[in-house]
Amino acid sequence: MRKRSKVVLGIDVGATGIKGALVDVKKGEMITERIKYPTPKPATPRQVFKVIQRIVEDLEWKDKTIGIGFPAIIKHGVSHSAANIDDKFLGYNIERSLKKKLSKKLVVLNDADAAGIASMTYGVGKRNQKKDVIILLTLGTGIGSAVFLHGRLLPNTELGHLKFRNSVAEKYASNSAREAKHESYETWAKDLDEVLKYYDFIFSPDLFIISGGVSKKYDRYEEYLSLKDKIVPAQLLNNAGIVGAACAAYKLFGN
């Protein structure tokens, strides 16, 4: 019997950048340099797909399997939200269009869900599988979320869009909110702390995992968080979306 390949192309589509790399899905490690291009403005399907195709070509990916994390609610390959991308993605069948364009087997999933899968399969989440409820939060342009109950994903949660104060949570506690207000980590962490306590009140999770670029600077704001005893930074940092998307595709298709 032919042994299945352990390498899958993972792509992470974000509001500001589109990244990709080849991933060893047995180890949860990228085996090529990460390629990154700016997300086009406007981020229409046609323009975003051009960048995805460019990454496929740059990496000379001849095999069939691709996993793509996408900043939207994704059901059966169709995008049902477009908070940080062009509205033309609303109701758009991403999987069908990309399969036709690339002639590949691929799966499209919510980008935060992809990061959560990476953490639960290879990272700090794996070491905490016995905890009942785990919430991973990606703090970037917005707040993405991945919720796990007994290790199983509840897909397409959008906790960053929960009503908070005069707007929604991500307008206060995302990294882009910190940057837009030119806040210190101490000042920003006060808002993040309130958001985390809000989530804790609603969901009573056993563990929060902080993911995204700010996870590598966790020591700069940890002391300002009330729930620090149940918060851990992610280990895969900004690569979690790529690794998790590749993992999801491998679990579905192999290679």
Protein backbone atom coordinates (compact mmCIF):
# COMPACT_ATOMS: atom_id res chain seq x y z
CA MET A 1 0.00 0.00 0.00
CA ARG A 2 1.30 3.45 -0.90
CA LYS A 3 2.23 5.46 2.15
CA ARG A 4 0.37 8.75 2.43
CA SER A 5 2.42 11.91 2.10
CA LYS A 6 2.98 13.86 5.28
CA VAL A 7 3.32 17.21 3.54
CA VAL A 8 0.38 19.55 2.83
CA LEU A 9 0.21 23.15 1.66
CA GLY A 10 -1.33 25.42 4.26
CA ILE A 11 -2.54 28.93 3.45
CA ASP A 12 -3.77 31.57 5.88
CA VAL A 13 -5.83 34.41 4.39
CA GLY A 14 -5.87 37.43 6.68
CA ALA A 15 -7.20 40.95 6.53
CA THR A 16 -3.74 42.40 5.94
CA GLY A 17 -1.69 39.50 4.58
CA ILE A 18 -1.99 36.12 2.85
CA LYS A 19 0.59 33.57 3.98
CA GLY A 20 1.48 30.05 2.93
CA ALA A 21 4.02 27.28 3.49
CA LEU A 22 4.46 23.54 3.13
CA VAL A 23 3.74 21.77 6.38
CA ASP A 24 4.86 18.42 7.79
CA VAL A 25 1.51 17.48 9.28
CA LYS A 26 2.94 14.69 11.41
CA LYS A 27 5.20 17.11 13.27
CA GLY A 28 3.12 20.26 12.90
CA GLU A 29 6.08 22.13 11.45
CA MET A 30 6.59 24.25 8.36
CA ILE A 31 9.26 22.77 6.13
CA THR A 32 9.61 25.77 3.83
CA GLU A 33 9.98 29.48 4.44
CA ARG A 34 6.67 31.23 4.90
CA ILE A 35 5.61 33.20 1.84
CA LYS A 36 3.54 36.29 2.51
CA TYR A 37 1.86 38.83 0.26
CA PRO A 38 -0.32 41.81 1.21
CA THR A 39 -4.04 41.14 1.06
CA PRO A 40 -5.26 43.05 -2.01
CA LYS A 41 -7.48 46.09 -1.66
CA PRO A 42 -10.28 45.55 -2.37
CA ALA A 43 -10.11 41.93 -1.22
CA THR A 44 -12.47 40.57 -3.88
CA PRO A 45 -12.61 36.87 -4.73
CA ARG A 46 -10.77 37.43 -8.00
CA GLN A 47 -7.91 39.36 -6.39
CA VAL A 48 -7.56 37.10 -3.36
CA PHE A 49 -7.54 34.00 -5.55
CA LYS A 50 -4.74 35.49 -7.65
CA VAL A 51 -2.58 35.73 -4.53
CA ILE A 52 -3.44 32.18 -3.46
CA GLN A 53 -2.52 30.90 -6.91
CA ARG A 54 0.75 32.81 -6.73
CA ILE A 55 1.64 31.12 -3.45
CA VAL A 56 0.86 27.70 -4.95
CA GLU A 57 3.15 28.49 -7.88
CA ASP A 58 5.92 29.99 -5.70
CA LEU A 59 6.05 26.84 -3.60
CA GLU A 60 5.88 24.67 -6.73
CA TRP A 61 3.13 22.64 -5.09
CA LYS A 62 2.40 19.79 -7.49
CA ASP A 63 0.53 17.53 -5.07
CA LYS A 64 -3.19 17.72 -4.59
CA THR A 65 -4.02 18.76 -1.04
CA ILE A 66 -4.39 22.32 0.24
CA GLY A 67 -5.90 23.69 3.44
CA ILE A 68 -6.97 27.35 3.55
CA GLY A 69 -7.90 29.36 6.62
CA PHE A 70 -10.22 32.23 5.78
CA PRO A 71 -11.42 35.26 7.81
CA ALA A 72 -15.10 34.41 7.59
CA ILE A 73 -17.81 32.05 8.75
CA ILE A 74 -17.40 29.06 6.44
CA LYS A 75 -20.07 26.40 5.97
CA HIS A 76 -19.65 23.68 3.35
CA GLY A 77 -17.09 25.84 1.56
CA VAL A 78 -19.34 28.92 1.40
CA SER A 79 -18.48 32.22 3.10
CA HIS A 80 -21.30 33.61 5.23
CA SER A 81 -19.57 36.72 6.55
CA ALA A 82 -17.14 39.33 5.29
CA ALA A 83 -16.06 41.50 8.20
CA ASN A 84 -12.50 42.16 7.00
CA ILE A 85 -12.79 41.23 3.31
CA ASP A 86 -14.86 42.43 0.39
CA ASP A 87 -18.65 41.98 0.55
CA LYS A 88 -18.50 40.03 -2.71
CA PHE A 89 -17.49 37.06 -0.56
CA LEU A 90 -20.92 36.97 1.11
CA GLY A 91 -22.64 33.76 0.01
CA TYR A 92 -19.65 32.90 -2.19
CA ASN A 93 -18.64 29.26 -2.67
CA ILE A 94 -14.89 29.58 -2.10
CA GLU A 95 -14.15 25.87 -2.21
CA ARG A 96 -15.90 25.25 -5.50
CA SER A 97 -14.26 28.23 -7.19
CA LEU A 98 -10.76 27.42 -5.97
CA LYS A 99 -11.05 23.73 -6.81
CA LYS A 100 -11.89 24.72 -10.36
CA LYS A 101 -9.11 27.31 -10.54
CA LEU A 102 -6.34 25.23 -8.97
CA SER A 103 -7.41 21.66 -9.84
CA LYS A 104 -6.64 20.64 -6.26
CA LYS A 105 -8.35 18.89 -3.38
CA LEU A 106 -8.83 21.59 -0.79
CA VAL A 107 -10.73 22.53 2.30
CA VAL A 108 -11.59 26.06 3.42
CA LEU A 109 -12.29 26.77 7.08
CA ASN A 110 -12.49 29.72 9.41
CA ASP A 111 -9.01 31.07 10.10
CA ALA A 112 -9.34 31.08 13.89
CA ASP A 113 -10.66 27.51 13.75
CA ALA A 114 -7.53 26.60 11.81
CA ALA A 115 -5.34 28.18 14.50
CA GLY A 116 -7.30 26.31 17.14
CA ILE A 117 -6.83 22.99 15.37
CA ALA A 118 -3.09 23.64 15.25
CA SER A 119 -2.95 24.36 18.96
CA MET A 120 -5.08 21.35 19.91
CA THR A 121 -3.13 19.01 17.63
CA TYR A 122 0.44 20.16 18.19
CA GLY A 123 0.62 23.03 20.69
CA VAL A 124 -0.36 23.99 24.20
CA GLY A 125 -3.93 22.84 23.62
CA LYS A 126 -2.73 19.29 23.05
CA ARG A 127 -1.28 19.22 26.57
CA ASN A 128 -4.62 20.39 27.95
CA GLN A 129 -6.94 18.05 26.03
CA LYS A 130 -8.53 16.81 29.27
CA LYS A 131 -9.93 20.24 30.09
CA ASP A 132 -13.64 20.49 29.32
CA VAL A 133 -13.83 23.88 27.58
CA ILE A 134 -10.92 25.62 25.85
CA ILE A 135 -11.21 28.94 24.02
CA LEU A 136 -8.47 30.10 21.66
CA LEU A 137 -8.48 33.78 20.75
CA THR A 138 -6.50 35.26 17.87
CA LEU A 139 -5.79 38.91 18.62
CA GLY A 140 -4.99 40.56 15.31
CA THR A 141 -6.97 42.81 12.98
CA GLY A 142 -10.01 41.57 14.88
CA ILE A 143 -10.59 38.85 17.44
CA GLY A 144 -11.01 35.37 16.04
CA SER A 145 -12.12 32.52 18.26
CA ALA A 146 -12.07 28.74 18.33
CA VAL A 147 -14.06 26.94 21.01
CA PHE A 148 -13.40 23.32 21.95
CA LEU A 149 -15.59 21.09 24.13
CA HIS A 150 -13.86 17.90 25.24
CA GLY A 151 -11.36 18.43 22.42
CA ARG A 152 -14.01 18.82 19.71
CA LEU A 153 -14.31 22.05 17.75
CA LEU A 154 -17.48 24.13 17.75
CA PRO A 155 -16.88 25.80 14.36
CA ASN A 156 -17.43 29.39 13.32
CA THR A 157 -17.74 31.09 16.68
CA GLU A 158 -17.26 34.84 16.32
CA LEU A 159 -16.62 36.01 19.87
CA GLY A 160 -14.90 39.14 18.64
CA HIS A 161 -18.27 40.35 17.40
CA LEU A 162 -20.07 39.99 20.72
CA LYS A 163 -21.57 43.28 21.89
CA PHE A 164 -19.26 45.05 24.33
CA ARG A 165 -19.63 48.56 25.72
CA ASN A 166 -20.55 50.84 22.80
CA SER A 167 -19.47 48.49 20.02
CA VAL A 168 -18.10 44.93 19.84
CA ALA A 169 -15.26 43.24 21.73
CA GLU A 170 -12.68 43.38 18.95
CA LYS A 171 -12.94 47.17 18.75
CA TYR A 172 -11.35 47.28 22.21
CA ALA A 173 -9.19 44.18 22.67
CA SER A 174 -7.76 43.33 19.24
CA ASN A 175 -4.16 44.18 18.43
CA SER A 176 -5.33 46.54 15.70
CA ALA A 177 -7.34 48.45 18.31
CA ARG A 178 -4.19 48.82 20.41
CA GLU A 179 -2.21 50.05 17.41
CA ALA A 180 -4.93 52.45 16.23
CA LYS A 181 -5.05 54.12 19.65
CA HIS A 182 -1.24 54.02 20.04
CA GLU A 183 -1.75 52.37 23.42
CA SER A 184 0.88 50.84 25.64
CA TYR A 185 0.45 47.16 26.42
CA GLU A 186 -0.51 48.10 29.98
CA THR A 187 -3.35 50.38 28.84
CA TRP A 188 -4.56 47.96 26.17
CA ALA A 189 -4.44 45.03 28.60
CA LYS A 190 -7.07 46.72 30.78
CA ASP A 191 -9.56 46.46 27.91
CA LEU A 192 -8.40 42.95 27.08
CA ASP A 193 -8.89 42.00 30.71
CA GLU A 194 -12.48 43.23 30.68
CA VAL A 195 -13.21 41.32 27.47
CA LEU A 196 -11.71 38.12 28.87
CA LYS A 197 -13.76 38.44 32.05
CA TYR A 198 -16.84 38.97 29.88
CA TYR A 199 -16.11 35.77 27.92
CA ASP A 200 -15.38 33.95 31.16
CA PHE A 201 -18.73 34.98 32.61
CA ILE A 202 -20.62 33.69 29.56
CA PHE A 203 -18.72 30.47 28.79
CA SER A 204 -16.83 29.52 31.99
CA PRO A 205 -13.92 28.00 30.04
CA ASP A 206 -11.19 26.02 31.77
CA LEU A 207 -8.49 27.63 29.65
CA PHE A 208 -7.93 30.61 27.34
CA ILE A 209 -5.20 30.36 24.70
CA ILE A 210 -3.97 33.71 23.37
CA SER A 211 -2.86 33.39 19.75
CA GLY A 212 -1.70 35.76 17.03
CA GLY A 213 1.34 38.01 16.92
CA VAL A 214 0.75 39.39 20.43
CA SER A 215 1.14 35.93 21.93
CA LYS A 216 4.94 36.22 21.65
CA LYS A 217 4.76 39.41 23.73
CA TYR A 218 2.57 37.89 26.42
CA ASP A 219 5.07 38.75 29.16
CA ARG A 220 4.47 42.45 28.45
CA TYR A 221 0.84 42.36 29.55
CA GLU A 222 0.35 39.14 31.53
CA GLU A 223 0.55 40.87 34.91
CA TYR A 224 -2.44 43.09 34.04
CA LEU A 225 -4.82 40.18 33.40
CA SER A 226 -7.08 39.08 36.24
CA LEU A 227 -7.51 35.54 34.88
CA LYS A 228 -3.81 34.88 34.25
CA ASP A 229 -4.03 31.52 36.07
CA LYS A 230 -6.26 30.19 33.28
CA ILE A 231 -4.57 31.94 30.33
CA VAL A 232 -1.63 30.64 28.29
CA PRO A 233 0.04 32.02 25.14
CA ALA A 234 -0.03 29.88 22.01
CA GLN A 235 3.20 28.25 20.90
CA LEU A 236 2.78 28.38 17.12
CA LEU A 237 2.38 32.17 17.07
CA ASN A 238 1.61 33.60 13.60
CA ASN A 239 2.14 30.23 11.92
CA ALA A 240 -0.83 28.57 13.62
CA GLY A 241 -3.27 29.37 10.81
CA ILE A 242 -1.02 27.84 8.17
CA VAL A 243 -0.28 24.71 10.21
CA GLY A 244 -3.91 24.23 11.28
CA ALA A 245 -5.26 24.64 7.75
CA ALA A 246 -2.80 22.03 6.47
CA CYS A 247 -3.73 19.70 9.33
CA ALA A 248 -7.47 20.05 8.60
CA ALA A 249 -6.90 19.23 4.93
CA TYR A 250 -4.78 16.19 5.74
CA LYS A 251 -7.38 14.84 8.16
CA LEU A 252 -10.02 15.16 5.45
CA PHE A 253 -8.11 14.01 2.36
CA GLY A 254 -4.67 12.70 3.25
CA ASN A 255 -2.69 13.52 0.12
